[in-house]
Amino acid sequence: MEQSGNFFQMGGYAFYVWSSYGLTLIVLLINYLSPKFSEKKLIAELVKRSKLKKTDIK
């Protein structure tokens, strides 16, 4: 049991190690989710423009 405690304490550098892991996870999530939201906005804009062009033709 003591070995797992030592692992999580990382020899006194636990704060720096785990905060690095946390920051990396946040950056990866932002990099993954950002294009998803941009894609939804782009599709909505294209649909809006498409509807405007159809009404202009009539």
PDB file of N, CA and C in Angstrom:
ATOM      1  N   MET A   1       0.830  -1.198   0.000  1.00  0.00           N
ATOM      2  CA  MET A   1       0.000   0.000   0.000  1.00  0.00           C
ATOM      3  C   MET A   1       0.867   1.252   0.000  1.00  0.00           C
ATOM      4  N   GLU A   2       2.019   1.153   0.639  1.00  0.00           N
ATOM      5  CA  GLU A   2       2.911   2.299   0.710  1.00  0.00           C
ATOM      6  C   GLU A   2       3.475   2.652  -0.663  1.00  0.00           C
ATOM      7  N   GLN A   3       3.636   1.649  -1.502  1.00  0.00           N
ATOM      8  CA  GLN A   3       4.172   1.902  -2.840  1.00  0.00           C
ATOM      9  C   GLN A   3       3.232   2.776  -3.657  1.00  0.00           C
ATOM     10  N   SER A   4       1.925   2.540  -3.535  1.00  0.00           N
ATOM     11  CA  SER A   4       0.985   3.378  -4.294  1.00  0.00           C
ATOM     12  C   SER A   4       1.001   4.809  -3.767  1.00  0.00           C
ATOM     13  N   GLY A   5       1.161   4.995  -2.484  1.00  0.00           N
ATOM     14  CA  GLY A   5       1.266   6.337  -1.917  1.00  0.00           C
ATOM     15  C   GLY A   5       2.496   7.060  -2.432  1.00  0.00           C
ATOM     16  N   ASN A   6       3.605   6.347  -2.514  1.00  0.00           N
ATOM     17  CA  ASN A   6       4.826   6.937  -3.056  1.00  0.00           C
ATOM     18  C   ASN A   6       4.665   7.294  -4.528  1.00  0.00           C
ATOM     19  N   PHE A   7       3.925   6.442  -5.241  1.00  0.00           N
ATOM     20  CA  PHE A   7       3.693   6.725  -6.664  1.00  0.00           C
ATOM     21  C   PHE A   7       2.934   8.033  -6.840  1.00  0.00           C
ATOM     22  N   PHE A   8       1.867   8.218  -6.076  1.00  0.00           N
ATOM     23  CA  PHE A   8       1.059   9.422  -6.227  1.00  0.00           C
ATOM     24  C   PHE A   8       1.754  10.668  -5.683  1.00  0.00           C
ATOM     25  N   GLN A   9       2.704  10.504  -4.778  1.00  0.00           N
ATOM     26  CA  GLN A   9       3.444  11.648  -4.256  1.00  0.00           C
ATOM     27  C   GLN A   9       4.571  12.055  -5.203  1.00  0.00           C
ATOM     28  N   MET A  10       4.993  11.171  -6.063  1.00  0.00           N
ATOM     29  CA  MET A  10       6.008  11.436  -7.083  1.00  0.00           C
ATOM     30  C   MET A  10       7.285  12.036  -6.502  1.00  0.00           C
ATOM     31  N   GLY A  11       7.709  11.550  -5.365  1.00  0.00           N
ATOM     32  CA  GLY A  11       8.969  12.002  -4.782  1.00  0.00           C
ATOM     33  C   GLY A  11       8.972  13.478  -4.412  1.00  0.00           C
ATOM     34  N   GLY A  12       7.846  14.014  -4.033  1.00  0.00           N
ATOM     35  CA  GLY A  12       7.765  15.416  -3.654  1.00  0.00           C
ATOM     36  C   GLY A  12       7.396  16.354  -4.795  1.00  0.00           C
ATOM     37  N   TYR A  13       7.305  15.829  -6.001  1.00  0.00           N
ATOM     38  CA  TYR A  13       6.969  16.646  -7.163  1.00  0.00           C
ATOM     39  C   TYR A  13       5.537  16.419  -7.643  1.00  0.00           C
ATOM     40  N   ALA A  14       4.713  15.870  -6.791  1.00  0.00           N
ATOM     41  CA  ALA A  14       3.353  15.486  -7.181  1.00  0.00           C
ATOM     42  C   ALA A  14       2.551  16.671  -7.722  1.00  0.00           C
ATOM     43  N   PHE A  15       2.644  17.814  -7.080  1.00  0.00           N
ATOM     44  CA  PHE A  15       1.860  18.970  -7.530  1.00  0.00           C
ATOM     45  C   PHE A  15       2.199  19.329  -8.973  1.00  0.00           C
ATOM     46  N   TYR A  16       3.471  19.362  -9.298  1.00  0.00           N
ATOM     47  CA  TYR A  16       3.898  19.735 -10.645  1.00  0.00           C
ATOM     48  C   TYR A  16       3.532  18.662 -11.668  1.00  0.00           C
ATOM     49  N   VAL A  17       3.706  17.410 -11.271  1.00  0.00           N
ATOM     50  CA  VAL A  17       3.409  16.304 -12.184  1.00  0.00           C
ATOM     51  C   VAL A  17       1.915  16.235 -12.480  1.00  0.00           C
ATOM     52  N   TRP A  18       1.090  16.214 -11.436  1.00  0.00           N
ATOM     53  CA  TRP A  18      -0.352  16.067 -11.655  1.00  0.00           C
ATOM     54  C   TRP A  18      -0.973  17.322 -12.274  1.00  0.00           C
ATOM     55  N   SER A  19      -0.448  18.484 -11.941  1.00  0.00           N
ATOM     56  CA  SER A  19      -0.976  19.692 -12.593  1.00  0.00           C
ATOM     57  C   SER A  19      -0.600  19.696 -14.079  1.00  0.00           C
ATOM     58  N   SER A  20       0.560  19.146 -14.420  1.00  0.00           N
ATOM     59  CA  SER A  20       0.943  19.030 -15.832  1.00  0.00           C
ATOM     60  C   SER A  20       0.020  18.082 -16.571  1.00  0.00           C
ATOM     61  N   TYR A  21      -0.298  16.958 -15.930  1.00  0.00           N
ATOM     62  CA  TYR A  21      -1.240  16.026 -16.543  1.00  0.00           C
ATOM     63  C   TYR A  21      -2.609  16.680 -16.724  1.00  0.00           C
ATOM     64  N   GLY A  22      -3.054  17.404 -15.707  1.00  0.00           N
ATOM     65  CA  GLY A  22      -4.358  18.066 -15.794  1.00  0.00           C
ATOM     66  C   GLY A  22      -4.394  19.125 -16.880  1.00  0.00           C
ATOM     67  N   LEU A  23      -3.356  19.934 -16.960  1.00  0.00           N
ATOM     68  CA  LEU A  23      -3.299  20.978 -17.979  1.00  0.00           C
ATOM     69  C   LEU A  23      -3.250  20.372 -19.381  1.00  0.00           C
ATOM     70  N   THR A  24      -2.493  19.293 -19.523  1.00  0.00           N
ATOM     71  CA  THR A  24      -2.425  18.605 -20.812  1.00  0.00           C
ATOM     72  C   THR A  24      -3.794  18.066 -21.210  1.00  0.00           C
ATOM     73  N   LEU A  25      -4.510  17.490 -20.263  1.00  0.00           N
ATOM     74  CA  LEU A  25      -5.848  16.972 -20.545  1.00  0.00           C
ATOM     75  C   LEU A  25      -6.791  18.096 -20.977  1.00  0.00           C
ATOM     76  N   ILE A  26      -6.720  19.237 -20.317  1.00  0.00           N
ATOM     77  CA  ILE A  26      -7.576  20.371 -20.671  1.00  0.00           C
ATOM     78  C   ILE A  26      -7.267  20.858 -22.084  1.00  0.00           C
ATOM     79  N   VAL A  27      -5.990  20.981 -22.416  1.00  0.00           N
ATOM     80  CA  VAL A  27      -5.603  21.439 -23.755  1.00  0.00           C
ATOM     81  C   VAL A  27      -6.063  20.451 -24.819  1.00  0.00           C
ATOM     82  N   LEU A  28      -5.912  19.161 -24.552  1.00  0.00           N
ATOM     83  CA  LEU A  28      -6.358  18.153 -25.516  1.00  0.00           C
ATOM     84  C   LEU A  28      -7.870  18.196 -25.709  1.00  0.00           C
ATOM     85  N   LEU A  29      -8.612  18.389 -24.630  1.00  0.00           N
ATOM     86  CA  LEU A  29     -10.067  18.493 -24.751  1.00  0.00           C
ATOM     87  C   LEU A  29     -10.472  19.728 -25.558  1.00  0.00           C
ATOM     88  N   ILE A  30      -9.806  20.844 -25.322  1.00  0.00           N
ATOM     89  CA  ILE A  30     -10.105  22.058 -26.081  1.00  0.00           C
ATOM     90  C   ILE A  30      -9.794  21.838 -27.563  1.00  0.00           C
ATOM     91  N   ASN A  31      -8.660  21.203 -27.839  1.00  0.00           N
ATOM     92  CA  ASN A  31      -8.293  20.934 -29.231  1.00  0.00           C
ATOM     93  C   ASN A  31      -9.260  19.969 -29.906  1.00  0.00           C
ATOM     94  N   TYR A  32      -9.881  19.105 -29.159  1.00  0.00           N
ATOM     95  CA  TYR A  32     -10.842  18.161 -29.719  1.00  0.00           C
ATOM     96  C   TYR A  32     -12.218  18.806 -29.901  1.00  0.00           C
ATOM     97  N   LEU A  33     -12.660  19.569 -28.912  1.00  0.00           N
ATOM     98  CA  LEU A  33     -14.022  20.107 -28.929  1.00  0.00           C
ATOM     99  C   LEU A  33     -14.171  21.377 -29.761  1.00  0.00           C
ATOM    100  N   SER A  34     -13.139  22.174 -29.857  1.00  0.00           N
ATOM    101  CA  SER A  34     -13.214  23.435 -30.579  1.00  0.00           C
ATOM    102  C   SER A  34     -13.665  23.266 -32.035  1.00  0.00           C
ATOM    103  N   PRO A  35     -13.078  22.360 -32.802  1.00  0.00           N
ATOM    104  CA  PRO A  35     -13.546  22.186 -34.179  1.00  0.00           C
ATOM    105  C   PRO A  35     -14.984  21.670 -34.262  1.00  0.00           C
ATOM    106  N   LYS A  36     -15.411  20.907 -33.275  1.00  0.00           N
ATOM    107  CA  LYS A  36     -16.787  20.398 -33.270  1.00  0.00           C
ATOM    108  C   LYS A  36     -17.783  21.552 -33.189  1.00  0.00           C
ATOM    109  N   PHE A  37     -17.515  22.507 -32.298  1.00  0.00           N
ATOM    110  CA  PHE A  37     -18.403  23.656 -32.168  1.00  0.00           C
ATOM    111  C   PHE A  37     -18.322  24.562 -33.398  1.00  0.00           C
ATOM    112  N   SER A  38     -17.132  24.736 -33.935  1.00  0.00           N
ATOM    113  CA  SER A  38     -16.966  25.561 -35.137  1.00  0.00           C
ATOM    114  C   SER A  38     -17.705  24.944 -36.317  1.00  0.00           C
ATOM    115  N   GLU A  39     -17.670  23.624 -36.404  1.00  0.00           N
ATOM    116  CA  GLU A  39     -18.358  22.934 -37.497  1.00  0.00           C
ATOM    117  C   GLU A  39     -19.864  23.155 -37.407  1.00  0.00           C
ATOM    118  N   LYS A  40     -20.424  23.086 -36.211  1.00  0.00           N
ATOM    119  CA  LYS A  40     -21.861  23.309 -36.037  1.00  0.00           C
ATOM    120  C   LYS A  40     -22.238  24.732 -36.456  1.00  0.00           C
ATOM    121  N   LYS A  41     -21.415  25.720 -36.070  1.00  0.00           N
ATOM    122  CA  LYS A  41     -21.700  27.103 -36.447  1.00  0.00           C
ATOM    123  C   LYS A  41     -21.603  27.283 -37.959  1.00  0.00           C
ATOM    124  N   LEU A  42     -20.599  26.661 -38.575  1.00  0.00           N
ATOM    125  CA  LEU A  42     -20.416  26.770 -40.015  1.00  0.00           C
ATOM    126  C   LEU A  42     -21.589  26.142 -40.761  1.00  0.00           C
ATOM    127  N   ILE A  43     -22.030  24.986 -40.331  1.00  0.00           N
ATOM    128  CA  ILE A  43     -23.159  24.320 -40.981  1.00  0.00           C
ATOM    129  C   ILE A  43     -24.421  25.168 -40.843  1.00  0.00           C
ATOM    130  N   ALA A  44     -24.650  25.735 -39.670  1.00  0.00           N
ATOM    131  CA  ALA A  44     -25.820  26.593 -39.468  1.00  0.00           C
ATOM    132  C   ALA A  44     -25.756  27.809 -40.389  1.00  0.00           C
ATOM    133  N   GLU A  45     -24.577  28.403 -40.528  1.00  0.00           N
ATOM    134  CA  GLU A  45     -24.415  29.559 -41.411  1.00  0.00           C
ATOM    135  C   GLU A  45     -24.662  29.182 -42.866  1.00  0.00           C
ATOM    136  N   LEU A  46     -24.173  28.027 -43.282  1.00  0.00           N
ATOM    137  CA  LEU A  46     -24.382  27.583 -44.663  1.00  0.00           C
ATOM    138  C   LEU A  46     -25.847  27.295 -44.943  1.00  0.00           C
ATOM    139  N   VAL A  47     -26.537  26.708 -43.990  1.00  0.00           N
ATOM    140  CA  VAL A  47     -27.976  26.458 -44.149  1.00  0.00           C
ATOM    141  C   VAL A  47     -28.723  27.781 -44.257  1.00  0.00           C
ATOM    142  N   LYS A  48     -28.348  28.742 -43.440  1.00  0.00           N
ATOM    143  CA  LYS A  48     -28.987  30.065 -43.468  1.00  0.00           C
ATOM    144  C   LYS A  48     -28.777  30.737 -44.828  1.00  0.00           C
ATOM    145  N   ARG A  49     -27.539  30.681 -45.326  1.00  0.00           N
ATOM    146  CA  ARG A  49     -27.250  31.282 -46.632  1.00  0.00           C
ATOM    147  C   ARG A  49     -27.984  30.562 -47.758  1.00  0.00           C
ATOM    148  N   SER A  50     -28.086  29.252 -47.629  1.00  0.00           N
ATOM    149  CA  SER A  50     -28.782  28.469 -48.641  1.00  0.00           C
ATOM    150  C   SER A  50     -30.259  28.859 -48.701  1.00  0.00           C
ATOM    151  N   LYS A  51     -30.869  29.066 -47.555  1.00  0.00           N
ATOM    152  CA  LYS A  51     -32.271  29.473 -47.511  1.00  0.00           C
ATOM    153  C   LYS A  51     -32.448  30.871 -48.087  1.00  0.00           C
ATOM    154  N   LEU A  52     -31.500  31.764 -47.835  1.00  0.00           N
ATOM    155  CA  LEU A  52     -31.570  33.112 -48.381  1.00  0.00           C
ATOM    156  C   LEU A  52     -31.468  33.103 -49.892  1.00  0.00           C
ATOM    157  N   LYS A  53     -30.599  32.281 -50.450  1.00  0.00           N
ATOM    158  CA  LYS A  53     -30.459  32.201 -51.895  1.00  0.00           C
ATOM    159  C   LYS A  53     -31.714  31.642 -52.537  1.00  0.00           C
ATOM    160  N   LYS A  54     -32.376  30.685 -51.882  1.00  0.00           N
ATOM    161  CA  LYS A  54     -33.606  30.109 -52.440  1.00  0.00           C
ATOM    162  C   LYS A  54     -34.715  31.143 -52.482  1.00  0.00           C
ATOM    163  N   THR A  55     -34.784  32.011 -51.492  1.00  0.00           N
ATOM    164  CA  THR A  55     -35.837  33.032 -51.483  1.00  0.00           C
ATOM    165  C   THR A  55     -35.516  34.140 -52.476  1.00  0.00           C
ATOM    166  N   ASP A  56     -34.238  34.384 -52.775  1.00  0.00           N
ATOM    167  CA  ASP A  56     -33.856  35.397 -53.749  1.00  0.00           C
ATOM    168  C   ASP A  56     -34.187  34.954 -55.178  1.00  0.00           C
ATOM    169  N   ILE A  57     -34.150  33.681 -55.431  1.00  0.00           N
ATOM    170  CA  ILE A  57     -34.396  33.152 -56.764  1.00  0.00           C
ATOM    171  C   ILE A  57     -35.858  33.273 -57.139  1.00  0.00           C
ATOM    172  N   LYS A  58     -36.758  33.117 -56.210  1.00  0.00           N
ATOM    173  CA  LYS A  58     -38.202  33.127 -56.498  1.00  0.00           C
ATOM    174  C   LYS A  58     -38.691  34.467 -56.874  1.00  0.00           C
TER     175      LYS A  58
END
